[in-house]
Amino acid sequence: MKTLLTLLFIPALLATAQNAAPGTRNALEQAAAPTPGLDDASLLADSPKVFPRKGPLPLLYPPNLSMLDEEAETDYFIFSAPLEPGTPIGQVPAEVPAPPRYPGRTLEQIARIESEMPQGTFNAPLNDWQHLTRTRRLLTEGGDLHILALGDSIINDTMRSGWVAKLQQAYPKARIKLTVYIRGGGGCHHFKEEGRVQKYILPRRPDLVLIGGISQKDIDSIRDVIQQIHAGLPETEFLLTSGAFGRVDLRDPAKLALAPHSGTGAYGKALRQLASDERCAYLDMTRPWADYLVSSKQHPHVFYRDRVHANEFGEQVLSRILMTFFKP
């Protein structure tokens, strides 16, 4: 097992984590120079930001907590954090000092970010607990709830937002543990192969698996992963989410619907049908994310740290969407 990452870090180490050299963060997120045919010219044309050709812009608020970094294959990453009632996400004993790689945020830092981020609105997604009955019971009545998030760097951003700390705060009777299993540009077409479900997911016995991101290549691969997990863990529940962020100009609804990860187009329709077929919960994150950014009256890149990924403001948009879905 890799070293236990430190809980609180000096500013220099935090800055290092956000601008890590190749072989660390760059193995997970791969957004550098503009890519012809992928980057939306309309989004770049009036952008108030000049992104570096390599790596992200520095964050105003580097994350101030970290998580346990576990053994995984090259280009795959697994990290986790046990949560006790009232404990912020990522709080684990700081036994071995080491530079942070996948940190989280305290509730206090989240509150400061939210007080400074541009404000927007979105229609609340359907709070549908039909296929999350066990999850709801553990949250409301108490018990150990292990959430495992599966996907790409966008899922990394989503979980790094600290939304699970808010979930713990909203449901103090539960004891929540979070595991994140990710790959840069990764989707279920990667996770279904080479026994990864059996080796890396089933032994961790998650109660709820969240599958999302912008890198899912096909619906059948998601179905395959769900069925592999259910074969070994029949009580595990699933939340399938459409994508957010990426290179498309969300101000144009037609372009947004054509994005391969979009909940507003064909992918969202197919993902919703898959959720129905496999008795999973479904959350369209695309529409609320787009609505929030547009209603903020700011250029979308105000919420980005590079041409694809969320900055700390964008992370909190994702957090708000999930917390609206999971509201008590």
C-alpha atoms as a PDB file:
ATOM      1  CA  MET A   1       0.000   0.000   0.000  1.00  0.00           C
ATOM      2  CA  LYS A   2       1.253   3.446  -0.793  1.00  0.00           C
ATOM      3  CA  THR A   3       2.052   5.882   1.945  1.00  0.00           C
ATOM      4  CA  LEU A   4      -0.655   7.503   3.999  1.00  0.00           C
ATOM      5  CA  LEU A   5      -0.826  11.047   2.731  1.00  0.00           C
ATOM      6  CA  THR A   6      -0.696  13.923   5.140  1.00  0.00           C
ATOM      7  CA  LEU A   7      -3.796  15.686   6.346  1.00  0.00           C
ATOM      8  CA  LEU A   8      -2.638  19.285   6.339  1.00  0.00           C
ATOM      9  CA  PHE A   9       0.127  20.646   4.149  1.00  0.00           C
ATOM     10  CA  ILE A  10       2.327  23.699   3.882  1.00  0.00           C
ATOM     11  CA  PRO A  11       1.409  26.007   0.958  1.00  0.00           C
ATOM     12  CA  ALA A  12       4.447  25.028  -1.124  1.00  0.00           C
ATOM     13  CA  LEU A  13       3.410  21.375  -1.095  1.00  0.00           C
ATOM     14  CA  LEU A  14      -0.156  22.250  -1.964  1.00  0.00           C
ATOM     15  CA  ALA A  15       1.004  24.241  -4.966  1.00  0.00           C
ATOM     16  CA  THR A  16       3.126  21.304  -6.053  1.00  0.00           C
ATOM     17  CA  ALA A  17       0.115  18.989  -5.967  1.00  0.00           C
ATOM     18  CA  GLN A  18      -1.898  21.148  -8.323  1.00  0.00           C
ATOM     19  CA  ASN A  19       0.904  21.549 -10.863  1.00  0.00           C
ATOM     20  CA  ALA A  20       2.478  18.110 -10.620  1.00  0.00           C
ATOM     21  CA  ALA A  21       5.031  16.874 -13.101  1.00  0.00           C
ATOM     22  CA  PRO A  22       4.276  14.202 -15.703  1.00  0.00           C
ATOM     23  CA  GLY A  23       3.729  10.835 -14.088  1.00  0.00           C
ATOM     24  CA  THR A  24       1.545  12.237 -11.316  1.00  0.00           C
ATOM     25  CA  ARG A  25      -1.511  14.352 -12.143  1.00  0.00           C
ATOM     26  CA  ASN A  26      -0.733  14.412 -15.878  1.00  0.00           C
ATOM     27  CA  ALA A  27      -1.399  10.680 -16.017  1.00  0.00           C
ATOM     28  CA  LEU A  28      -4.938  11.436 -14.907  1.00  0.00           C
ATOM     29  CA  GLU A  29      -5.895  14.660 -16.656  1.00  0.00           C
ATOM     30  CA  GLN A  30      -4.674  15.310 -20.159  1.00  0.00           C
ATOM     31  CA  ALA A  31      -5.844  18.745 -21.227  1.00  0.00           C
ATOM     32  CA  ALA A  32      -3.000  20.775 -22.697  1.00  0.00           C
ATOM     33  CA  ALA A  33      -2.887  22.838 -25.891  1.00  0.00           C
ATOM     34  CA  PRO A  34      -6.045  23.386 -27.988  1.00  0.00           C
ATOM     35  CA  THR A  35      -6.863  20.325 -30.073  1.00  0.00           C
ATOM     36  CA  PRO A  36      -8.285  20.974 -33.566  1.00  0.00           C
ATOM     37  CA  GLY A  37     -11.597  19.228 -33.994  1.00  0.00           C
ATOM     38  CA  LEU A  38     -12.079  18.776 -30.238  1.00  0.00           C
ATOM     39  CA  ASP A  39     -11.964  22.268 -28.762  1.00  0.00           C
ATOM     40  CA  ASP A  40     -15.011  24.398 -29.432  1.00  0.00           C
ATOM     41  CA  ALA A  41     -13.786  27.548 -31.188  1.00  0.00           C
ATOM     42  CA  SER A  42     -16.756  29.571 -29.927  1.00  0.00           C
ATOM     43  CA  LEU A  43     -15.851  28.722 -26.334  1.00  0.00           C
ATOM     44  CA  LEU A  44     -12.236  29.783 -26.800  1.00  0.00           C
ATOM     45  CA  ALA A  45     -12.967  32.901 -28.867  1.00  0.00           C
ATOM     46  CA  ASP A  46     -14.279  35.067 -26.034  1.00  0.00           C
ATOM     47  CA  SER A  47     -12.621  33.306 -23.104  1.00  0.00           C
ATOM     48  CA  PRO A  48     -11.331  35.639 -20.373  1.00  0.00           C
ATOM     49  CA  LYS A  49      -8.633  33.092 -19.514  1.00  0.00           C
ATOM     50  CA  VAL A  50      -5.391  32.121 -21.169  1.00  0.00           C
ATOM     51  CA  PHE A  51      -4.732  28.522 -20.250  1.00  0.00           C
ATOM     52  CA  PRO A  52      -1.162  27.211 -20.191  1.00  0.00           C
ATOM     53  CA  ARG A  53      -0.151  24.799 -22.931  1.00  0.00           C
ATOM     54  CA  LYS A  54       0.632  22.201 -20.291  1.00  0.00           C
ATOM     55  CA  GLY A  55      -1.098  21.697 -16.979  1.00  0.00           C
ATOM     56  CA  PRO A  56      -3.834  23.707 -15.263  1.00  0.00           C
ATOM     57  CA  LEU A  57      -3.976  27.262 -14.006  1.00  0.00           C
ATOM     58  CA  PRO A  58      -3.054  27.543 -10.319  1.00  0.00           C
ATOM     59  CA  LEU A  59      -6.008  27.223  -7.991  1.00  0.00           C
ATOM     60  CA  LEU A  60      -6.974  30.102  -5.750  1.00  0.00           C
ATOM     61  CA  TYR A  61      -7.734  27.562  -3.032  1.00  0.00           C
ATOM     62  CA  PRO A  62      -5.603  24.420  -3.272  1.00  0.00           C
ATOM     63  CA  PRO A  63      -7.313  21.537  -1.451  1.00  0.00           C
ATOM     64  CA  ASN A  64      -6.297  21.301   2.193  1.00  0.00           C
ATOM     65  CA  LEU A  65      -7.035  17.641   2.967  1.00  0.00           C
ATOM     66  CA  SER A  66      -5.811  14.420   1.456  1.00  0.00           C
ATOM     67  CA  MET A  67      -6.884  10.797   1.239  1.00  0.00           C
ATOM     68  CA  LEU A  68      -5.292   7.379   1.481  1.00  0.00           C
ATOM     69  CA  ASP A  69      -3.536   6.626  -1.821  1.00  0.00           C
ATOM     70  CA  GLU A  70      -3.842   2.887  -2.516  1.00  0.00           C
ATOM     71  CA  GLU A  71      -2.016   0.516  -4.836  1.00  0.00           C
ATOM     72  CA  ALA A  72      -3.293   0.431  -8.421  1.00  0.00           C
ATOM     73  CA  GLU A  73      -2.108  -0.289 -11.944  1.00  0.00           C
ATOM     74  CA  THR A  74      -0.104   2.240 -13.932  1.00  0.00           C
ATOM     75  CA  ASP A  75      -2.421   5.061 -15.103  1.00  0.00           C
ATOM     76  CA  TYR A  76      -5.133   3.971 -12.652  1.00  0.00           C
ATOM     77  CA  PHE A  77      -5.626   5.583  -9.250  1.00  0.00           C
ATOM     78  CA  ILE A  78      -7.456   4.464  -6.119  1.00  0.00           C
ATOM     79  CA  PHE A  79      -7.815   6.641  -3.064  1.00  0.00           C
ATOM     80  CA  SER A  80     -10.115   6.497  -0.089  1.00  0.00           C
ATOM     81  CA  ALA A  81     -11.137   8.174   3.140  1.00  0.00           C
ATOM     82  CA  PRO A  82     -13.093   6.839   6.100  1.00  0.00           C
ATOM     83  CA  LEU A  83     -15.594   9.308   7.507  1.00  0.00           C
ATOM     84  CA  GLU A  84     -16.983   9.422  10.990  1.00  0.00           C
ATOM     85  CA  PRO A  85     -20.027  11.535  11.931  1.00  0.00           C
ATOM     86  CA  GLY A  86     -19.065  15.177  11.686  1.00  0.00           C
ATOM     87  CA  THR A  87     -15.656  14.450  10.136  1.00  0.00           C
ATOM     88  CA  PRO A  88     -14.666  16.336   6.947  1.00  0.00           C
ATOM     89  CA  ILE A  89     -13.957  14.304   3.847  1.00  0.00           C
ATOM     90  CA  GLY A  90     -10.399  13.092   3.584  1.00  0.00           C
ATOM     91  CA  GLN A  91      -9.580  13.300   7.291  1.00  0.00           C
ATOM     92  CA  VAL A  92      -7.196  10.438   7.974  1.00  0.00           C
ATOM     93  CA  PRO A  93      -4.292  10.239  10.451  1.00  0.00           C
ATOM     94  CA  ALA A  94      -1.283  12.229   9.288  1.00  0.00           C
ATOM     95  CA  GLU A  95       1.319   9.593  10.095  1.00  0.00           C
ATOM     96  CA  VAL A  96       3.736   9.850   7.165  1.00  0.00           C
ATOM     97  CA  PRO A  97       4.404  13.289   5.631  1.00  0.00           C
ATOM     98  CA  ALA A  98       4.341  13.194   1.834  1.00  0.00           C
ATOM     99  CA  PRO A  99       3.365  15.552  -0.999  1.00  0.00           C
ATOM    100  CA  PRO A 100      -0.398  15.376  -1.603  1.00  0.00           C
ATOM    101  CA  ARG A 101      -1.718  14.015  -4.902  1.00  0.00           C
ATOM    102  CA  TYR A 102      -5.493  13.791  -4.626  1.00  0.00           C
ATOM    103  CA  PRO A 103      -6.535  16.067  -1.811  1.00  0.00           C
ATOM    104  CA  GLY A 104      -9.993  17.060  -0.627  1.00  0.00           C
ATOM    105  CA  ARG A 105     -11.458  20.055   1.137  1.00  0.00           C
ATOM    106  CA  THR A 106     -12.631  20.920   4.614  1.00  0.00           C
ATOM    107  CA  LEU A 107     -16.147  22.256   5.116  1.00  0.00           C
ATOM    108  CA  GLU A 108     -14.607  25.579   6.117  1.00  0.00           C
ATOM    109  CA  GLN A 109     -12.696  25.855   2.839  1.00  0.00           C
ATOM    110  CA  ILE A 110     -15.785  24.839   0.865  1.00  0.00           C
ATOM    111  CA  ALA A 111     -17.774  27.614   2.555  1.00  0.00           C
ATOM    112  CA  ARG A 112     -15.127  30.191   1.645  1.00  0.00           C
ATOM    113  CA  ILE A 113     -15.089  29.075  -2.003  1.00  0.00           C
ATOM    114  CA  GLU A 114     -18.877  29.192  -2.173  1.00  0.00           C
ATOM    115  CA  SER A 115     -18.911  32.724  -0.735  1.00  0.00           C
ATOM    116  CA  GLU A 116     -16.626  33.951  -3.542  1.00  0.00           C
ATOM    117  CA  MET A 117     -17.820  31.951  -6.563  1.00  0.00           C
ATOM    118  CA  PRO A 118     -20.214  33.459  -9.126  1.00  0.00           C
ATOM    119  CA  GLN A 119     -23.779  32.578  -8.224  1.00  0.00           C
ATOM    120  CA  GLY A 120     -26.133  30.791 -10.586  1.00  0.00           C
ATOM    121  CA  THR A 121     -29.271  28.683 -10.480  1.00  0.00           C
ATOM    122  CA  PHE A 122     -30.534  25.379 -11.822  1.00  0.00           C
ATOM    123  CA  ASN A 123     -33.692  23.345 -11.610  1.00  0.00           C
ATOM    124  CA  ALA A 124     -33.384  20.655  -8.975  1.00  0.00           C
ATOM    125  CA  PRO A 125     -32.879  17.191 -10.471  1.00  0.00           C
ATOM    126  CA  LEU A 126     -35.404  14.516  -9.582  1.00  0.00           C
ATOM    127  CA  ASN A 127     -34.702  13.138  -6.112  1.00  0.00           C
ATOM    128  CA  ASP A 128     -35.561   9.557  -7.085  1.00  0.00           C
ATOM    129  CA  TRP A 129     -34.803   6.998  -4.369  1.00  0.00           C
ATOM    130  CA  GLN A 130     -36.621   4.122  -6.091  1.00  0.00           C
ATOM    131  CA  HIS A 131     -33.445   2.142  -6.719  1.00  0.00           C
ATOM    132  CA  LEU A 132     -31.495   3.563  -3.764  1.00  0.00           C
ATOM    133  CA  THR A 133     -33.625   2.181  -0.941  1.00  0.00           C
ATOM    134  CA  ARG A 134     -30.699   0.603   0.926  1.00  0.00           C
ATOM    135  CA  THR A 135     -28.588   3.743   0.514  1.00  0.00           C
ATOM    136  CA  ARG A 136     -31.413   5.868   1.830  1.00  0.00           C
ATOM    137  CA  ARG A 137     -31.942   3.585   4.829  1.00  0.00           C
ATOM    138  CA  LEU A 138     -28.253   3.706   5.753  1.00  0.00           C
ATOM    139  CA  LEU A 139     -28.185   7.482   5.416  1.00  0.00           C
ATOM    140  CA  THR A 140     -31.333   8.183   7.387  1.00  0.00           C
ATOM    141  CA  GLU A 141     -31.356   5.383   9.969  1.00  0.00           C
ATOM    142  CA  GLY A 142     -27.611   5.007  10.403  1.00  0.00           C
ATOM    143  CA  GLY A 143     -24.974   2.473   9.456  1.00  0.00           C
ATOM    144  CA  ASP A 144     -21.828   2.155   7.382  1.00  0.00           C
ATOM    145  CA  LEU A 145     -22.222   3.450   3.826  1.00  0.00           C
ATOM    146  CA  HIS A 146     -19.337   2.866   1.433  1.00  0.00           C
ATOM    147  CA  ILE A 147     -19.535   4.966  -1.744  1.00  0.00           C
ATOM    148  CA  LEU A 148     -17.254   4.057  -4.647  1.00  0.00           C
ATOM    149  CA  ALA A 149     -16.936   6.536  -7.528  1.00  0.00           C
ATOM    150  CA  LEU A 150     -15.815   5.109 -10.868  1.00  0.00           C
ATOM    151  CA  GLY A 151     -14.690   7.086 -13.896  1.00  0.00           C
ATOM    152  CA  ASP A 152     -12.241   9.687 -15.181  1.00  0.00           C
ATOM    153  CA  SER A 153     -10.679  13.005 -14.179  1.00  0.00           C
ATOM    154  CA  ILE A 154     -14.099  14.672 -14.087  1.00  0.00           C
ATOM    155  CA  ILE A 155     -15.125  12.149 -11.444  1.00  0.00           C
ATOM    156  CA  ASN A 156     -11.892  13.058  -9.670  1.00  0.00           C
ATOM    157  CA  ASP A 157     -12.958  16.722  -9.697  1.00  0.00           C
ATOM    158  CA  THR A 158     -16.444  15.811  -8.516  1.00  0.00           C
ATOM    159  CA  MET A 159     -15.255  13.861  -5.514  1.00  0.00           C
ATOM    160  CA  ARG A 160     -12.474  16.328  -4.698  1.00  0.00           C
ATOM    161  CA  SER A 161     -15.144  19.022  -4.327  1.00  0.00           C
ATOM    162  CA  GLY A 162     -15.868  17.643  -0.865  1.00  0.00           C
ATOM    163  CA  TRP A 163     -19.560  16.958  -1.511  1.00  0.00           C
ATOM    164  CA  VAL A 164     -19.386  13.749   0.532  1.00  0.00           C
ATOM    165  CA  ALA A 165     -18.449  15.869   3.549  1.00  0.00           C
ATOM    166  CA  LYS A 166     -21.702  17.726   2.990  1.00  0.00           C
ATOM    167  CA  LEU A 167     -23.527  14.417   2.657  1.00  0.00           C
ATOM    168  CA  GLN A 168     -22.063  13.303   5.987  1.00  0.00           C
ATOM    169  CA  GLN A 169     -23.138  16.591   7.535  1.00  0.00           C
ATOM    170  CA  ALA A 170     -26.681  16.181   6.169  1.00  0.00           C
ATOM    171  CA  TYR A 171     -26.946  12.599   7.452  1.00  0.00           C
ATOM    172  CA  PRO A 172     -25.069  12.505  10.780  1.00  0.00           C
ATOM    173  CA  LYS A 173     -26.354   9.036  11.736  1.00  0.00           C
ATOM    174  CA  ALA A 174     -24.453   7.422   8.859  1.00  0.00           C
ATOM    175  CA  ARG A 175     -20.751   6.540   8.808  1.00  0.00           C
ATOM    176  CA  ILE A 176     -19.623   7.204   5.250  1.00  0.00           C
ATOM    177  CA  LYS A 177     -16.509   5.890   3.565  1.00  0.00           C
ATOM    178  CA  LEU A 178     -15.472   7.100   0.122  1.00  0.00           C
ATOM    179  CA  THR A 179     -13.344   5.285  -2.447  1.00  0.00           C
ATOM    180  CA  VAL A 180     -12.470   6.788  -5.834  1.00  0.00           C
ATOM    181  CA  TYR A 181     -11.237   4.519  -8.646  1.00  0.00           C
ATOM    182  CA  ILE A 182     -10.238   6.512 -11.696  1.00  0.00           C
ATOM    183  CA  ARG A 183      -8.221   6.551 -14.881  1.00  0.00           C
ATOM    184  CA  GLY A 184      -7.374   9.540 -17.093  1.00  0.00           C
ATOM    185  CA  GLY A 185      -9.821   9.372 -20.004  1.00  0.00           C
ATOM    186  CA  GLY A 186     -11.196   6.277 -18.319  1.00  0.00           C
ATOM    187  CA  GLY A 187     -14.609   4.688 -18.612  1.00  0.00           C
ATOM    188  CA  CYS A 188     -16.231   1.316 -18.107  1.00  0.00           C
ATOM    189  CA  HIS A 189     -14.656   0.111 -21.351  1.00  0.00           C
ATOM    190  CA  HIS A 190     -11.438   0.117 -19.292  1.00  0.00           C
ATOM    191  CA  PHE A 191     -12.811  -1.024 -15.950  1.00  0.00           C
ATOM    192  CA  LYS A 192     -14.668  -4.038 -17.353  1.00  0.00           C
ATOM    193  CA  GLU A 193     -11.447  -5.573 -18.707  1.00  0.00           C
ATOM    194  CA  GLU A 194      -8.674  -7.737 -17.236  1.00  0.00           C
ATOM    195  CA  GLY A 195     -10.520  -8.662 -14.054  1.00  0.00           C
ATOM    196  CA  ARG A 196     -10.453  -5.112 -12.641  1.00  0.00           C
ATOM    197  CA  VAL A 197     -13.941  -5.435 -11.140  1.00  0.00           C
ATOM    198  CA  GLN A 198     -12.975  -8.650  -9.369  1.00  0.00           C
ATOM    199  CA  LYS A 199      -9.587  -7.357  -8.205  1.00  0.00           C
ATOM    200  CA  TYR A 200     -10.234  -3.732  -7.316  1.00  0.00           C
ATOM    201  CA  ILE A 201     -13.981  -3.284  -6.743  1.00  0.00           C
ATOM    202  CA  LEU A 202     -15.531  -6.440  -5.287  1.00  0.00           C
ATOM    203  CA  PRO A 203     -13.031  -6.778  -2.389  1.00  0.00           C
ATOM    204  CA  ARG A 204     -13.919  -3.232  -1.275  1.00  0.00           C
ATOM    205  CA  ARG A 205     -17.617  -4.183  -1.023  1.00  0.00           C
ATOM    206  CA  PRO A 206     -19.158  -0.795  -1.904  1.00  0.00           C
ATOM    207  CA  ASP A 207     -22.776  -0.142  -0.980  1.00  0.00           C
ATOM    208  CA  LEU A 208     -23.234   2.521  -3.666  1.00  0.00           C
ATOM    209  CA  VAL A 209     -21.282   2.795  -6.921  1.00  0.00           C
ATOM    210  CA  LEU A 210     -21.388   6.140  -8.739  1.00  0.00           C
ATOM    211  CA  ILE A 211     -20.483   5.836 -12.436  1.00  0.00           C
ATOM    212  CA  GLY A 212     -19.996   8.987 -14.516  1.00  0.00           C
ATOM    213  CA  GLY A 213     -17.590  11.346 -16.235  1.00  0.00           C
ATOM    214  CA  ILE A 214     -17.125  12.395 -19.854  1.00  0.00           C
ATOM    215  CA  SER A 215     -15.095   9.405 -21.053  1.00  0.00           C
ATOM    216  CA  GLN A 216     -17.629   6.570 -21.216  1.00  0.00           C
ATOM    217  CA  LYS A 217     -17.307   5.078 -24.708  1.00  0.00           C
ATOM    218  CA  ASP A 218     -20.446   2.952 -24.853  1.00  0.00           C
ATOM    219  CA  ILE A 219     -23.507   2.004 -22.850  1.00  0.00           C
ATOM    220  CA  ASP A 220     -22.855  -1.735 -23.108  1.00  0.00           C
ATOM    221  CA  SER A 221     -19.572  -1.392 -21.214  1.00  0.00           C
ATOM    222  CA  ILE A 222     -21.367   0.372 -18.362  1.00  0.00           C
ATOM    223  CA  ARG A 223     -23.924  -2.434 -18.347  1.00  0.00           C
ATOM    224  CA  ASP A 224     -21.107  -4.986 -18.250  1.00  0.00           C
ATOM    225  CA  VAL A 225     -19.504  -3.372 -15.199  1.00  0.00           C
ATOM    226  CA  ILE A 226     -22.851  -3.146 -13.392  1.00  0.00           C
ATOM    227  CA  GLN A 227     -23.564  -6.807 -14.051  1.00  0.00           C
ATOM    228  CA  GLN A 228     -20.067  -7.887 -12.984  1.00  0.00           C
ATOM    229  CA  ILE A 229     -20.457  -6.005  -9.696  1.00  0.00           C
ATOM    230  CA  HIS A 230     -23.979  -7.319  -9.130  1.00  0.00           C
ATOM    231  CA  ALA A 231     -22.810 -10.880  -9.723  1.00  0.00           C
ATOM    232  CA  GLY A 232     -20.440 -10.553  -6.768  1.00  0.00           C
ATOM    233  CA  LEU A 233     -22.320  -7.988  -4.685  1.00  0.00           C
ATOM    234  CA  PRO A 234     -26.072  -8.317  -5.360  1.00  0.00           C
ATOM    235  CA  GLU A 235     -27.035  -5.690  -2.760  1.00  0.00           C
ATOM    236  CA  THR A 236     -24.848  -2.943  -4.230  1.00  0.00           C
ATOM    237  CA  GLU A 237     -26.805   0.001  -5.641  1.00  0.00           C
ATOM    238  CA  PHE A 238     -25.812   2.294  -8.507  1.00  0.00           C
ATOM    239  CA  LEU A 239     -26.113   5.936  -9.486  1.00  0.00           C
ATOM    240  CA  LEU A 240     -25.429   6.622 -13.163  1.00  0.00           C
ATOM    241  CA  THR A 241     -24.605  10.228 -14.044  1.00  0.00           C
ATOM    242  CA  SER A 242     -24.210  12.068 -17.324  1.00  0.00           C
ATOM    243  CA  GLY A 243     -21.181  14.287 -17.904  1.00  0.00           C
ATOM    244  CA  ALA A 244     -20.192  17.865 -17.152  1.00  0.00           C
ATOM    245  CA  PHE A 245     -17.394  20.185 -18.288  1.00  0.00           C
ATOM    246  CA  GLY A 246     -15.318  19.143 -21.289  1.00  0.00           C
ATOM    247  CA  ARG A 247     -14.561  21.129 -24.443  1.00  0.00           C
ATOM    248  CA  VAL A 248     -18.051  21.924 -25.783  1.00  0.00           C
ATOM    249  CA  ASP A 249     -19.650  25.384 -25.576  1.00  0.00           C
ATOM    250  CA  LEU A 250     -22.544  24.772 -23.191  1.00  0.00           C
ATOM    251  CA  ARG A 251     -24.111  28.112 -24.146  1.00  0.00           C
ATOM    252  CA  ASP A 252     -25.294  26.476 -27.380  1.00  0.00           C
ATOM    253  CA  PRO A 253     -27.944  23.840 -26.487  1.00  0.00           C
ATOM    254  CA  ALA A 254     -27.589  22.114 -29.865  1.00  0.00           C
ATOM    255  CA  LYS A 255     -23.821  21.679 -29.412  1.00  0.00           C
ATOM    256  CA  LEU A 256     -24.308  20.551 -25.833  1.00  0.00           C
ATOM    257  CA  ALA A 257     -26.788  17.865 -26.882  1.00  0.00           C
ATOM    258  CA  LEU A 258     -24.276  16.485 -29.401  1.00  0.00           C
ATOM    259  CA  ALA A 259     -21.506  16.092 -26.831  1.00  0.00           C
ATOM    260  CA  PRO A 260     -20.795  12.369 -26.383  1.00  0.00           C
ATOM    261  CA  HIS A 261     -21.260  12.604 -22.603  1.00  0.00           C
ATOM    262  CA  SER A 262     -24.306  14.880 -22.580  1.00  0.00           C
ATOM    263  CA  GLY A 263     -27.423  14.120 -20.609  1.00  0.00           C
ATOM    264  CA  THR A 264     -29.381  16.419 -22.909  1.00  0.00           C
ATOM    265  CA  GLY A 265     -28.847  14.283 -26.020  1.00  0.00           C
ATOM    266  CA  ALA A 266     -28.709  10.699 -27.211  1.00  0.00           C
ATOM    267  CA  TYR A 267     -26.230   9.598 -24.547  1.00  0.00           C
ATOM    268  CA  GLY A 268     -28.480  10.807 -21.749  1.00  0.00           C
ATOM    269  CA  LYS A 269     -31.470   9.012 -23.218  1.00  0.00           C
ATOM    270  CA  ALA A 270     -29.516   5.771 -23.531  1.00  0.00           C
ATOM    271  CA  LEU A 271     -28.041   6.102 -20.028  1.00  0.00           C
ATOM    272  CA  ARG A 272     -31.481   6.708 -18.550  1.00  0.00           C
ATOM    273  CA  GLN A 273     -32.773   3.573 -20.304  1.00  0.00           C
ATOM    274  CA  LEU A 274     -29.827   1.582 -18.997  1.00  0.00           C
ATOM    275  CA  ALA A 275     -30.606   2.779 -15.478  1.00  0.00           C
ATOM    276  CA  SER A 276     -34.179   1.597 -15.876  1.00  0.00           C
ATOM    277  CA  ASP A 277     -33.111  -1.772 -17.314  1.00  0.00           C
ATOM    278  CA  GLU A 278     -30.566  -2.472 -14.562  1.00  0.00           C
ATOM    279  CA  ARG A 279     -32.562  -0.917 -11.701  1.00  0.00           C
ATOM    280  CA  CYS A 280     -30.113   1.918 -11.095  1.00  0.00           C
ATOM    281  CA  ALA A 281     -30.702   5.533 -10.110  1.00  0.00           C
ATOM    282  CA  TYR A 282     -30.013   8.153 -12.788  1.00  0.00           C
ATOM    283  CA  LEU A 283     -28.867  11.760 -12.486  1.00  0.00           C
ATOM    284  CA  ASP A 284     -28.496  14.132 -15.419  1.00  0.00           C
ATOM    285  CA  MET A 285     -25.667  16.433 -14.338  1.00  0.00           C
ATOM    286  CA  THR A 286     -25.341  18.085 -17.740  1.00  0.00           C
ATOM    287  CA  ARG A 287     -28.423  20.269 -17.678  1.00  0.00           C
ATOM    288  CA  PRO A 288     -28.003  21.644 -14.120  1.00  0.00           C
ATOM    289  CA  TRP A 289     -24.295  22.317 -14.744  1.00  0.00           C
ATOM    290  CA  ALA A 290     -25.052  24.202 -17.980  1.00  0.00           C
ATOM    291  CA  ASP A 291     -27.937  26.120 -16.396  1.00  0.00           C
ATOM    292  CA  TYR A 292     -25.803  27.205 -13.452  1.00  0.00           C
ATOM    293  CA  LEU A 293     -22.939  28.470 -15.576  1.00  0.00           C
ATOM    294  CA  VAL A 294     -25.192  30.285 -18.049  1.00  0.00           C
ATOM    295  CA  SER A 295     -27.322  31.875 -15.313  1.00  0.00           C
ATOM    296  CA  SER A 296     -24.184  33.126 -13.551  1.00  0.00           C
ATOM    297  CA  LYS A 297     -23.723  35.598 -16.436  1.00  0.00           C
ATOM    298  CA  GLN A 298     -20.035  34.636 -16.542  1.00  0.00           C
ATOM    299  CA  HIS A 299     -18.023  33.047 -19.331  1.00  0.00           C
ATOM    300  CA  PRO A 300     -17.946  29.268 -18.692  1.00  0.00           C
ATOM    301  CA  HIS A 301     -14.158  29.314 -18.393  1.00  0.00           C
ATOM    302  CA  VAL A 302     -14.493  31.224 -15.115  1.00  0.00           C
ATOM    303  CA  PHE A 303     -15.350  27.767 -13.732  1.00  0.00           C
ATOM    304  CA  TYR A 304     -12.482  25.915 -15.506  1.00  0.00           C
ATOM    305  CA  ARG A 305      -8.812  25.345 -14.593  1.00  0.00           C
ATOM    306  CA  ASP A 306      -7.911  24.209 -18.133  1.00  0.00           C
ATOM    307  CA  ARG A 307      -9.868  23.556 -21.337  1.00  0.00           C
ATOM    308  CA  VAL A 308     -11.623  20.489 -19.917  1.00  0.00           C
ATOM    309  CA  HIS A 309     -11.614  20.413 -16.116  1.00  0.00           C
ATOM    310  CA  ALA A 310     -13.343  22.275 -13.315  1.00  0.00           C
ATOM    311  CA  ASN A 311     -11.559  24.692 -11.015  1.00  0.00           C
ATOM    312  CA  GLU A 312     -12.619  25.070  -7.387  1.00  0.00           C
ATOM    313  CA  PHE A 313     -15.728  27.041  -8.450  1.00  0.00           C
ATOM    314  CA  GLY A 314     -16.686  24.408 -10.983  1.00  0.00           C
ATOM    315  CA  GLU A 315     -16.169  21.655  -8.433  1.00  0.00           C
ATOM    316  CA  GLN A 316     -18.719  23.290  -6.168  1.00  0.00           C
ATOM    317  CA  VAL A 317     -21.268  23.430  -8.987  1.00  0.00           C
ATOM    318  CA  LEU A 318     -20.934  19.638  -9.265  1.00  0.00           C
ATOM    319  CA  SER A 319     -21.206  19.371  -5.487  1.00  0.00           C
ATOM    320  CA  ARG A 320     -24.410  21.402  -5.400  1.00  0.00           C
ATOM    321  CA  ILE A 321     -26.020  19.237  -8.062  1.00  0.00           C
ATOM    322  CA  LEU A 322     -25.253  16.050  -6.160  1.00  0.00           C
ATOM    323  CA  MET A 323     -26.355  17.470  -2.839  1.00  0.00           C
ATOM    324  CA  THR A 324     -29.634  18.621  -4.379  1.00  0.00           C
ATOM    325  CA  PHE A 325     -30.186  15.065  -5.596  1.00  0.00           C
ATOM    326  CA  PHE A 326     -29.338  13.593  -2.186  1.00  0.00           C
ATOM    327  CA  LYS A 327     -31.064  16.236  -0.065  1.00  0.00           C
ATOM    328  CA  PRO A 328     -32.800  14.874   3.050  1.00  0.00           C
END
